[in-house]
Amino acid sequence: ALLLLFPKVRRHEVINIRAIDLSSDLPMVINGMRDFISRMDYHEFLPDTYEDLVESLTRLISLDCTEILVAEHDGDIVGGIGMVYAPCMWNLKVFTAEELFWWVAKDAPLSTALRLLRHVNSNAVTRGCKLISFKSLSSSPGTLDKVYRQMGLIPIETTYMGVIS
């Protein structure tokens, strides 16, 4: 998860949170994916060509258990979030919502990140989820912990990743 919030909030700004539409959003979403990847500390495992990014995104969208939303402001995609809705692997009776990714452009309106998070939280409730989880990357700013805690979330795990041979 990456939270970079620079501009001042303006209450009159309209941010439309909606499902991704590859027929119209693809170039802007790929630019957003590249921006997100460029700001990550560890991205060696992610696709690096335009074609591979499109293939990965198309595959994600095709899965019934995923939801990919974009934040649109003044005709531009300024953020996005991907979620998986599925039974908990440790208790199939409990339905969970788990973040795949989320990204906000450096020049997005201040409220973009919070609006994306609130939107998927509401969708998770509607889908009957009892748990929701979000990630904090090593490259995420320190303010992200505060945002997650204000949402009622608590840190429960640290993940380590590396290339194996």
N, C-alpha and C. Protein backbone atom coordinates (compact mmCIF):
# COMPACT_ATOMS: atom_id res chain seq x y z
N ALA A 1 0.85 -1.16 0.00
CA ALA A 1 0.00 0.00 0.00
C ALA A 1 0.89 1.22 0.00
N LEU A 2 0.50 2.17 -0.75
CA LEU A 2 1.30 3.37 -0.88
C LEU A 2 0.41 4.57 -0.70
N LEU A 3 0.80 5.44 0.21
CA LEU A 3 -0.02 6.62 0.50
C LEU A 3 0.87 7.84 0.38
N LEU A 4 0.71 8.58 -0.70
CA LEU A 4 1.45 9.82 -0.89
C LEU A 4 0.44 10.93 -1.10
N LEU A 5 0.33 11.79 -0.11
CA LEU A 5 -0.69 12.84 -0.16
C LEU A 5 -0.02 14.19 -0.05
N PHE A 6 -0.01 14.94 -1.13
CA PHE A 6 0.69 16.22 -1.14
C PHE A 6 -0.22 17.44 -1.19
N PRO A 7 -1.21 17.49 -2.07
CA PRO A 7 -1.97 18.74 -2.19
C PRO A 7 -2.92 18.98 -1.02
N LYS A 8 -3.34 20.21 -0.89
CA LYS A 8 -4.32 20.57 0.14
C LYS A 8 -5.69 20.02 -0.26
N VAL A 9 -6.47 19.66 0.74
CA VAL A 9 -7.80 19.13 0.47
C VAL A 9 -8.73 20.28 0.07
N ARG A 10 -9.56 20.00 -0.91
CA ARG A 10 -10.58 20.95 -1.34
C ARG A 10 -11.91 20.22 -1.31
N ARG A 11 -12.82 20.69 -0.52
CA ARG A 11 -14.09 20.00 -0.33
C ARG A 11 -14.91 19.91 -1.61
N HIS A 12 -14.75 20.85 -2.53
CA HIS A 12 -15.55 20.85 -3.74
C HIS A 12 -15.04 19.90 -4.81
N GLU A 13 -13.88 19.30 -4.60
CA GLU A 13 -13.33 18.41 -5.61
C GLU A 13 -14.17 17.13 -5.71
N VAL A 14 -14.49 16.77 -6.93
CA VAL A 14 -15.28 15.58 -7.17
C VAL A 14 -14.33 14.45 -7.56
N ILE A 15 -14.37 13.39 -6.78
CA ILE A 15 -13.59 12.19 -7.07
C ILE A 15 -14.59 11.06 -7.26
N ASN A 16 -14.57 10.47 -8.42
CA ASN A 16 -15.48 9.38 -8.73
C ASN A 16 -14.76 8.05 -8.53
N ILE A 17 -15.24 7.23 -7.60
CA ILE A 17 -14.70 5.89 -7.38
C ILE A 17 -15.60 4.94 -8.16
N ARG A 18 -14.99 4.18 -9.07
CA ARG A 18 -15.78 3.29 -9.92
C ARG A 18 -14.95 2.08 -10.35
N ALA A 19 -15.65 1.08 -10.89
CA ALA A 19 -14.97 -0.10 -11.42
C ALA A 19 -14.12 0.30 -12.62
N ILE A 20 -13.01 -0.37 -12.75
CA ILE A 20 -12.12 -0.12 -13.88
C ILE A 20 -12.82 -0.51 -15.19
N ASP A 21 -12.55 0.24 -16.24
CA ASP A 21 -13.07 -0.04 -17.58
C ASP A 21 -11.86 -0.04 -18.51
N LEU A 22 -11.39 -1.24 -18.85
CA LEU A 22 -10.17 -1.33 -19.65
C LEU A 22 -10.30 -0.66 -21.01
N SER A 23 -11.50 -0.60 -21.56
CA SER A 23 -11.66 0.00 -22.88
C SER A 23 -11.32 1.49 -22.88
N SER A 24 -11.48 2.15 -21.74
CA SER A 24 -11.17 3.58 -21.69
C SER A 24 -10.05 3.92 -20.71
N ASP A 25 -9.82 3.09 -19.71
CA ASP A 25 -8.88 3.43 -18.64
C ASP A 25 -7.47 2.88 -18.83
N LEU A 26 -7.29 1.94 -19.73
CA LEU A 26 -6.04 1.19 -19.80
C LEU A 26 -4.77 2.04 -19.80
N PRO A 27 -4.61 3.02 -20.69
CA PRO A 27 -3.35 3.78 -20.68
C PRO A 27 -3.07 4.48 -19.35
N MET A 28 -4.11 5.10 -18.76
CA MET A 28 -3.91 5.80 -17.49
C MET A 28 -3.62 4.83 -16.35
N VAL A 29 -4.27 3.67 -16.37
CA VAL A 29 -4.04 2.68 -15.32
C VAL A 29 -2.63 2.10 -15.43
N ILE A 30 -2.17 1.82 -16.63
CA ILE A 30 -0.80 1.32 -16.81
C ILE A 30 0.20 2.38 -16.34
N ASN A 31 -0.04 3.64 -16.64
CA ASN A 31 0.84 4.71 -16.12
C ASN A 31 0.83 4.71 -14.60
N GLY A 32 -0.34 4.53 -13.99
CA GLY A 32 -0.43 4.45 -12.54
C GLY A 32 0.32 3.26 -11.98
N MET A 33 0.21 2.11 -12.67
CA MET A 33 0.94 0.92 -12.23
C MET A 33 2.44 1.16 -12.28
N ARG A 34 2.90 1.78 -13.34
CA ARG A 34 4.33 2.08 -13.46
C ARG A 34 4.79 3.06 -12.37
N ASP A 35 3.97 4.05 -12.06
CA ASP A 35 4.29 4.99 -11.00
C ASP A 35 4.39 4.27 -9.66
N PHE A 36 3.40 3.42 -9.37
CA PHE A 36 3.40 2.64 -8.13
C PHE A 36 4.66 1.79 -8.02
N ILE A 37 4.98 1.06 -9.09
CA ILE A 37 6.15 0.18 -9.09
C ILE A 37 7.43 0.99 -8.89
N SER A 38 7.51 2.17 -9.50
CA SER A 38 8.73 2.98 -9.39
C SER A 38 8.98 3.47 -7.97
N ARG A 39 7.93 3.55 -7.16
CA ARG A 39 8.08 4.03 -5.79
C ARG A 39 8.26 2.92 -4.77
N MET A 40 8.24 1.67 -5.23
CA MET A 40 8.41 0.54 -4.32
C MET A 40 9.89 0.25 -4.09
N ASP A 41 10.21 -0.22 -2.87
CA ASP A 41 11.58 -0.63 -2.58
C ASP A 41 11.94 -1.94 -3.27
N TYR A 42 10.99 -2.83 -3.41
CA TYR A 42 11.27 -4.16 -3.95
C TYR A 42 10.22 -4.49 -5.01
N HIS A 43 10.62 -4.48 -6.26
CA HIS A 43 9.65 -4.70 -7.33
C HIS A 43 10.16 -5.65 -8.40
N GLU A 44 11.21 -6.40 -8.08
CA GLU A 44 11.81 -7.29 -9.07
C GLU A 44 10.85 -8.37 -9.57
N PHE A 45 9.85 -8.71 -8.81
CA PHE A 45 8.92 -9.77 -9.18
C PHE A 45 7.75 -9.28 -10.03
N LEU A 46 7.61 -7.98 -10.18
CA LEU A 46 6.47 -7.42 -10.90
C LEU A 46 6.76 -7.30 -12.40
N PRO A 47 5.72 -7.34 -13.22
CA PRO A 47 5.92 -7.20 -14.67
C PRO A 47 6.56 -5.86 -14.99
N ASP A 48 7.40 -5.84 -16.04
CA ASP A 48 8.08 -4.58 -16.35
C ASP A 48 7.83 -4.07 -17.76
N THR A 49 7.17 -4.84 -18.59
CA THR A 49 6.85 -4.34 -19.93
C THR A 49 5.37 -3.95 -19.99
N TYR A 50 5.04 -3.10 -20.92
CA TYR A 50 3.65 -2.68 -21.11
C TYR A 50 2.76 -3.89 -21.33
N GLU A 51 3.21 -4.80 -22.19
CA GLU A 51 2.42 -5.99 -22.52
C GLU A 51 2.19 -6.86 -21.29
N ASP A 52 3.23 -7.06 -20.48
CA ASP A 52 3.09 -7.89 -19.28
C ASP A 52 2.20 -7.23 -18.24
N LEU A 53 2.26 -5.90 -18.13
CA LEU A 53 1.37 -5.19 -17.21
C LEU A 53 -0.08 -5.35 -17.65
N VAL A 54 -0.34 -5.22 -18.95
CA VAL A 54 -1.70 -5.38 -19.47
C VAL A 54 -2.18 -6.80 -19.21
N GLU A 55 -1.33 -7.79 -19.47
CA GLU A 55 -1.72 -9.19 -19.25
C GLU A 55 -2.05 -9.44 -17.77
N SER A 56 -1.23 -8.93 -16.88
CA SER A 56 -1.48 -9.12 -15.44
C SER A 56 -2.78 -8.46 -15.01
N LEU A 57 -2.99 -7.24 -15.45
CA LEU A 57 -4.20 -6.51 -15.09
C LEU A 57 -5.45 -7.21 -15.65
N THR A 58 -5.38 -7.64 -16.90
CA THR A 58 -6.50 -8.33 -17.53
C THR A 58 -6.83 -9.62 -16.79
N ARG A 59 -5.81 -10.34 -16.39
CA ARG A 59 -6.01 -11.59 -15.64
C ARG A 59 -6.67 -11.31 -14.29
N LEU A 60 -6.20 -10.29 -13.59
CA LEU A 60 -6.80 -9.93 -12.29
C LEU A 60 -8.27 -9.58 -12.44
N ILE A 61 -8.59 -8.78 -13.43
CA ILE A 61 -9.97 -8.34 -13.63
C ILE A 61 -10.89 -9.51 -13.96
N SER A 62 -10.35 -10.54 -14.59
CA SER A 62 -11.18 -11.67 -15.01
C SER A 62 -11.57 -12.59 -13.86
N LEU A 63 -10.92 -12.48 -12.72
CA LEU A 63 -11.22 -13.35 -11.59
C LEU A 63 -12.48 -12.89 -10.87
N ASP A 64 -13.38 -13.83 -10.59
CA ASP A 64 -14.64 -13.49 -9.92
C ASP A 64 -14.43 -12.93 -8.51
N CYS A 65 -13.35 -13.31 -7.87
CA CYS A 65 -13.13 -12.92 -6.47
C CYS A 65 -12.45 -11.56 -6.34
N THR A 66 -12.10 -10.92 -7.45
CA THR A 66 -11.39 -9.64 -7.36
C THR A 66 -12.27 -8.47 -7.74
N GLU A 67 -11.90 -7.33 -7.20
CA GLU A 67 -12.54 -6.06 -7.54
C GLU A 67 -11.43 -5.05 -7.75
N ILE A 68 -11.43 -4.40 -8.90
CA ILE A 68 -10.45 -3.36 -9.20
C ILE A 68 -11.22 -2.06 -9.41
N LEU A 69 -10.93 -1.07 -8.58
CA LEU A 69 -11.59 0.23 -8.66
C LEU A 69 -10.57 1.30 -9.01
N VAL A 70 -11.03 2.36 -9.63
CA VAL A 70 -10.19 3.52 -9.90
C VAL A 70 -10.82 4.76 -9.30
N ALA A 71 -9.97 5.72 -8.99
CA ALA A 71 -10.42 7.04 -8.54
C ALA A 71 -10.18 7.99 -9.70
N GLU A 72 -11.25 8.64 -10.14
CA GLU A 72 -11.17 9.53 -11.29
C GLU A 72 -11.43 10.96 -10.83
N HIS A 73 -10.56 11.87 -11.28
CA HIS A 73 -10.68 13.29 -10.93
C HIS A 73 -10.35 14.12 -12.17
N ASP A 74 -11.26 14.99 -12.56
CA ASP A 74 -11.06 15.84 -13.75
C ASP A 74 -10.66 15.04 -14.98
N GLY A 75 -11.26 13.85 -15.15
CA GLY A 75 -11.00 13.03 -16.32
C GLY A 75 -9.74 12.20 -16.26
N ASP A 76 -8.99 12.29 -15.17
CA ASP A 76 -7.76 11.51 -15.01
C ASP A 76 -7.93 10.45 -13.93
N ILE A 77 -7.26 9.32 -14.12
CA ILE A 77 -7.20 8.30 -13.08
C ILE A 77 -6.10 8.73 -12.11
N VAL A 78 -6.48 9.00 -10.86
CA VAL A 78 -5.53 9.50 -9.85
C VAL A 78 -5.32 8.50 -8.72
N GLY A 79 -5.91 7.32 -8.84
CA GLY A 79 -5.73 6.30 -7.82
C GLY A 79 -6.43 5.02 -8.24
N GLY A 80 -6.09 3.97 -7.53
CA GLY A 80 -6.72 2.68 -7.80
C GLY A 80 -6.52 1.75 -6.63
N ILE A 81 -7.37 0.74 -6.56
CA ILE A 81 -7.28 -0.24 -5.49
C ILE A 81 -7.79 -1.58 -6.00
N GLY A 82 -7.13 -2.63 -5.59
CA GLY A 82 -7.55 -3.99 -5.94
C GLY A 82 -7.77 -4.80 -4.68
N MET A 83 -8.88 -5.51 -4.64
CA MET A 83 -9.24 -6.32 -3.47
C MET A 83 -9.58 -7.74 -3.92
N VAL A 84 -9.35 -8.69 -3.01
CA VAL A 84 -9.80 -10.07 -3.18
C VAL A 84 -10.81 -10.33 -2.08
N TYR A 85 -11.96 -10.87 -2.45
CA TYR A 85 -13.00 -11.24 -1.50
C TYR A 85 -13.10 -12.76 -1.54
N ALA A 86 -12.83 -13.40 -0.39
CA ALA A 86 -12.80 -14.87 -0.38
C ALA A 86 -12.93 -15.39 1.05
N PRO A 87 -13.26 -16.67 1.17
CA PRO A 87 -13.26 -17.26 2.51
C PRO A 87 -11.85 -17.25 3.10
N CYS A 88 -11.78 -17.09 4.40
CA CYS A 88 -10.49 -17.14 5.11
C CYS A 88 -9.91 -18.54 4.96
N MET A 89 -8.63 -18.64 4.65
CA MET A 89 -8.03 -19.96 4.43
C MET A 89 -7.98 -20.79 5.71
N TRP A 90 -8.05 -20.16 6.88
CA TRP A 90 -8.01 -20.90 8.14
C TRP A 90 -9.40 -21.20 8.68
N ASN A 91 -10.42 -20.52 8.17
CA ASN A 91 -11.80 -20.75 8.61
C ASN A 91 -12.72 -20.38 7.45
N LEU A 92 -13.14 -21.36 6.70
CA LEU A 92 -13.92 -21.12 5.48
C LEU A 92 -15.28 -20.50 5.76
N LYS A 93 -15.70 -20.47 7.02
CA LYS A 93 -16.98 -19.85 7.38
C LYS A 93 -16.87 -18.33 7.47
N VAL A 94 -15.65 -17.82 7.50
CA VAL A 94 -15.41 -16.38 7.64
C VAL A 94 -14.96 -15.82 6.29
N PHE A 95 -15.71 -14.86 5.79
CA PHE A 95 -15.40 -14.23 4.51
C PHE A 95 -14.50 -13.02 4.77
N THR A 96 -13.46 -12.85 3.95
CA THR A 96 -12.50 -11.78 4.16
C THR A 96 -12.34 -10.92 2.91
N ALA A 97 -11.86 -9.71 3.13
CA ALA A 97 -11.48 -8.80 2.05
C ALA A 97 -10.00 -8.50 2.25
N GLU A 98 -9.21 -8.76 1.23
CA GLU A 98 -7.76 -8.54 1.34
C GLU A 98 -7.27 -7.68 0.19
N GLU A 99 -6.50 -6.67 0.55
CA GLU A 99 -5.93 -5.77 -0.45
C GLU A 99 -4.91 -6.49 -1.32
N LEU A 100 -5.02 -6.29 -2.61
CA LEU A 100 -3.98 -6.72 -3.55
C LEU A 100 -2.97 -5.59 -3.76
N PHE A 101 -3.49 -4.39 -3.91
CA PHE A 101 -2.66 -3.21 -4.12
C PHE A 101 -3.54 -1.99 -3.92
N TRP A 102 -2.92 -0.88 -3.68
CA TRP A 102 -3.58 0.41 -3.87
C TRP A 102 -2.53 1.46 -4.10
N TRP A 103 -2.93 2.45 -4.87
CA TRP A 103 -2.00 3.48 -5.33
C TRP A 103 -2.75 4.80 -5.45
N VAL A 104 -2.05 5.88 -5.13
CA VAL A 104 -2.59 7.23 -5.30
C VAL A 104 -1.50 8.08 -5.95
N ALA A 105 -1.86 8.81 -6.99
CA ALA A 105 -0.91 9.68 -7.67
C ALA A 105 -0.41 10.78 -6.73
N LYS A 106 0.81 11.22 -6.96
CA LYS A 106 1.39 12.28 -6.13
C LYS A 106 0.56 13.56 -6.17
N ASP A 107 -0.08 13.83 -7.30
CA ASP A 107 -0.84 15.07 -7.45
C ASP A 107 -2.35 14.87 -7.26
N ALA A 108 -2.75 13.73 -6.72
CA ALA A 108 -4.17 13.47 -6.48
C ALA A 108 -4.70 14.34 -5.35
N PRO A 109 -5.99 14.65 -5.37
CA PRO A 109 -6.58 15.37 -4.23
C PRO A 109 -6.33 14.61 -2.92
N LEU A 110 -6.16 15.34 -1.87
CA LEU A 110 -5.79 14.77 -0.57
C LEU A 110 -6.72 13.65 -0.12
N SER A 111 -7.99 13.75 -0.40
CA SER A 111 -8.95 12.77 0.11
C SER A 111 -9.03 11.49 -0.73
N THR A 112 -8.27 11.39 -1.80
CA THR A 112 -8.38 10.24 -2.71
C THR A 112 -8.12 8.92 -2.00
N ALA A 113 -7.04 8.82 -1.27
CA ALA A 113 -6.69 7.57 -0.60
C ALA A 113 -7.78 7.14 0.37
N LEU A 114 -8.21 8.05 1.20
CA LEU A 114 -9.23 7.72 2.19
C LEU A 114 -10.54 7.32 1.52
N ARG A 115 -10.88 7.98 0.43
CA ARG A 115 -12.11 7.62 -0.28
C ARG A 115 -12.03 6.21 -0.87
N LEU A 116 -10.87 5.86 -1.43
CA LEU A 116 -10.70 4.49 -1.94
C LEU A 116 -10.84 3.47 -0.81
N LEU A 117 -10.17 3.73 0.30
CA LEU A 117 -10.22 2.80 1.43
C LEU A 117 -11.63 2.66 1.99
N ARG A 118 -12.32 3.76 2.14
CA ARG A 118 -13.70 3.71 2.65
C ARG A 118 -14.62 2.98 1.68
N HIS A 119 -14.40 3.19 0.39
CA HIS A 119 -15.25 2.55 -0.62
C HIS A 119 -15.13 1.03 -0.55
N VAL A 120 -13.90 0.52 -0.51
CA VAL A 120 -13.74 -0.94 -0.46
C VAL A 120 -14.18 -1.49 0.90
N ASN A 121 -14.03 -0.70 1.96
CA ASN A 121 -14.52 -1.15 3.26
C ASN A 121 -16.04 -1.33 3.20
N SER A 122 -16.73 -0.38 2.61
CA SER A 122 -18.18 -0.48 2.45
C SER A 122 -18.56 -1.68 1.57
N ASN A 123 -17.82 -1.88 0.48
CA ASN A 123 -18.08 -3.02 -0.40
C ASN A 123 -17.87 -4.34 0.33
N ALA A 124 -16.86 -4.40 1.19
CA ALA A 124 -16.58 -5.61 1.96
C ALA A 124 -17.75 -5.93 2.90
N VAL A 125 -18.28 -4.92 3.55
CA VAL A 125 -19.44 -5.12 4.43
C VAL A 125 -20.62 -5.64 3.61
N THR A 126 -20.87 -5.03 2.46
CA THR A 126 -21.97 -5.44 1.59
C THR A 126 -21.82 -6.90 1.15
N ARG A 127 -20.58 -7.33 0.93
CA ARG A 127 -20.31 -8.70 0.50
C ARG A 127 -20.32 -9.70 1.66
N GLY A 128 -20.53 -9.23 2.87
CA GLY A 128 -20.60 -10.12 4.02
C GLY A 128 -19.27 -10.46 4.65
N CYS A 129 -18.24 -9.68 4.35
CA CYS A 129 -16.92 -9.93 4.94
C CYS A 129 -16.92 -9.59 6.43
N LYS A 130 -16.20 -10.40 7.19
CA LYS A 130 -16.04 -10.16 8.63
C LYS A 130 -14.67 -9.57 8.94
N LEU A 131 -13.73 -9.74 8.03
CA LEU A 131 -12.37 -9.23 8.21
C LEU A 131 -11.94 -8.47 6.96
N ILE A 132 -11.08 -7.48 7.17
CA ILE A 132 -10.48 -6.76 6.04
C ILE A 132 -9.01 -6.54 6.38
N SER A 133 -8.15 -6.66 5.38
CA SER A 133 -6.72 -6.45 5.64
C SER A 133 -6.09 -5.62 4.53
N PHE A 134 -5.17 -4.77 4.96
CA PHE A 134 -4.40 -3.92 4.05
C PHE A 134 -2.93 -4.07 4.38
N LYS A 135 -2.08 -3.75 3.42
CA LYS A 135 -0.64 -3.88 3.58
C LYS A 135 0.01 -2.51 3.74
N SER A 136 1.18 -2.54 4.32
CA SER A 136 2.04 -1.37 4.39
C SER A 136 3.41 -1.81 3.89
N LEU A 137 3.84 -1.25 2.79
CA LEU A 137 5.12 -1.62 2.21
C LEU A 137 6.27 -0.92 2.93
N SER A 138 7.46 -1.44 2.75
CA SER A 138 8.63 -0.79 3.35
C SER A 138 8.81 0.62 2.80
N SER A 139 8.28 0.89 1.62
CA SER A 139 8.37 2.22 1.02
C SER A 139 7.18 3.12 1.36
N SER A 140 6.21 2.60 2.11
CA SER A 140 5.04 3.40 2.49
C SER A 140 5.44 4.43 3.54
N PRO A 141 4.85 5.61 3.48
CA PRO A 141 5.17 6.63 4.49
C PRO A 141 4.64 6.24 5.86
N GLY A 142 5.26 6.78 6.89
CA GLY A 142 4.89 6.48 8.26
C GLY A 142 3.46 6.85 8.61
N THR A 143 2.87 7.78 7.88
CA THR A 143 1.50 8.20 8.18
C THR A 143 0.47 7.12 7.88
N LEU A 144 0.86 6.11 7.12
CA LEU A 144 -0.09 5.05 6.76
C LEU A 144 -0.56 4.28 7.99
N ASP A 145 0.34 4.03 8.93
CA ASP A 145 -0.04 3.32 10.16
C ASP A 145 -1.18 4.05 10.87
N LYS A 146 -1.10 5.35 10.95
CA LYS A 146 -2.14 6.14 11.62
C LYS A 146 -3.47 6.02 10.89
N VAL A 147 -3.44 6.06 9.56
CA VAL A 147 -4.67 5.93 8.76
C VAL A 147 -5.32 4.57 9.02
N TYR A 148 -4.51 3.52 8.97
CA TYR A 148 -5.05 2.17 9.19
C TYR A 148 -5.63 2.03 10.60
N ARG A 149 -4.92 2.56 11.58
CA ARG A 149 -5.42 2.47 12.96
C ARG A 149 -6.73 3.26 13.13
N GLN A 150 -6.85 4.40 12.45
CA GLN A 150 -8.10 5.16 12.51
C GLN A 150 -9.25 4.39 11.88
N MET A 151 -8.94 3.47 11.00
CA MET A 151 -9.96 2.61 10.39
C MET A 151 -10.30 1.42 11.29
N GLY A 152 -9.63 1.32 12.44
CA GLY A 152 -9.88 0.22 13.36
C GLY A 152 -9.01 -1.00 13.10
N LEU A 153 -8.00 -0.86 12.26
CA LEU A 153 -7.10 -1.97 11.94
C LEU A 153 -5.94 -2.00 12.91
N ILE A 154 -5.38 -3.19 13.11
CA ILE A 154 -4.19 -3.34 13.96
C ILE A 154 -3.12 -4.12 13.18
N PRO A 155 -1.85 -3.81 13.43
CA PRO A 155 -0.79 -4.56 12.74
C PRO A 155 -0.70 -5.97 13.32
N ILE A 156 -0.61 -6.98 12.44
CA ILE A 156 -0.55 -8.35 12.93
C ILE A 156 0.59 -9.17 12.34
N GLU A 157 1.29 -8.64 11.34
CA GLU A 157 2.30 -9.47 10.71
C GLU A 157 3.31 -8.61 9.95
N THR A 158 4.51 -9.12 9.80
CA THR A 158 5.52 -8.53 8.95
C THR A 158 5.91 -9.59 7.94
N THR A 159 6.00 -9.22 6.67
CA THR A 159 6.31 -10.17 5.61
C THR A 159 7.70 -9.87 5.07
N TYR A 160 8.46 -10.93 4.81
CA TYR A 160 9.79 -10.80 4.21
C TYR A 160 9.77 -11.49 2.86
N MET A 161 10.45 -10.88 1.87
CA MET A 161 10.44 -11.43 0.53
C MET A 161 11.84 -11.36 -0.05
N GLY A 162 12.19 -12.36 -0.82
CA GLY A 162 13.48 -12.37 -1.50
C GLY A 162 13.47 -13.34 -2.66
N VAL A 163 14.41 -13.19 -3.54
CA VAL A 163 14.55 -14.08 -4.69
C VAL A 163 15.25 -15.35 -4.23
N ILE A 164 14.71 -16.49 -4.63
CA ILE A 164 15.35 -17.76 -4.28
C ILE A 164 15.96 -18.38 -5.53
N SER A 165 16.97 -19.20 -5.31
CA SER A 165 17.60 -19.85 -6.46
C SER A 165 17.88 -21.30 -6.17
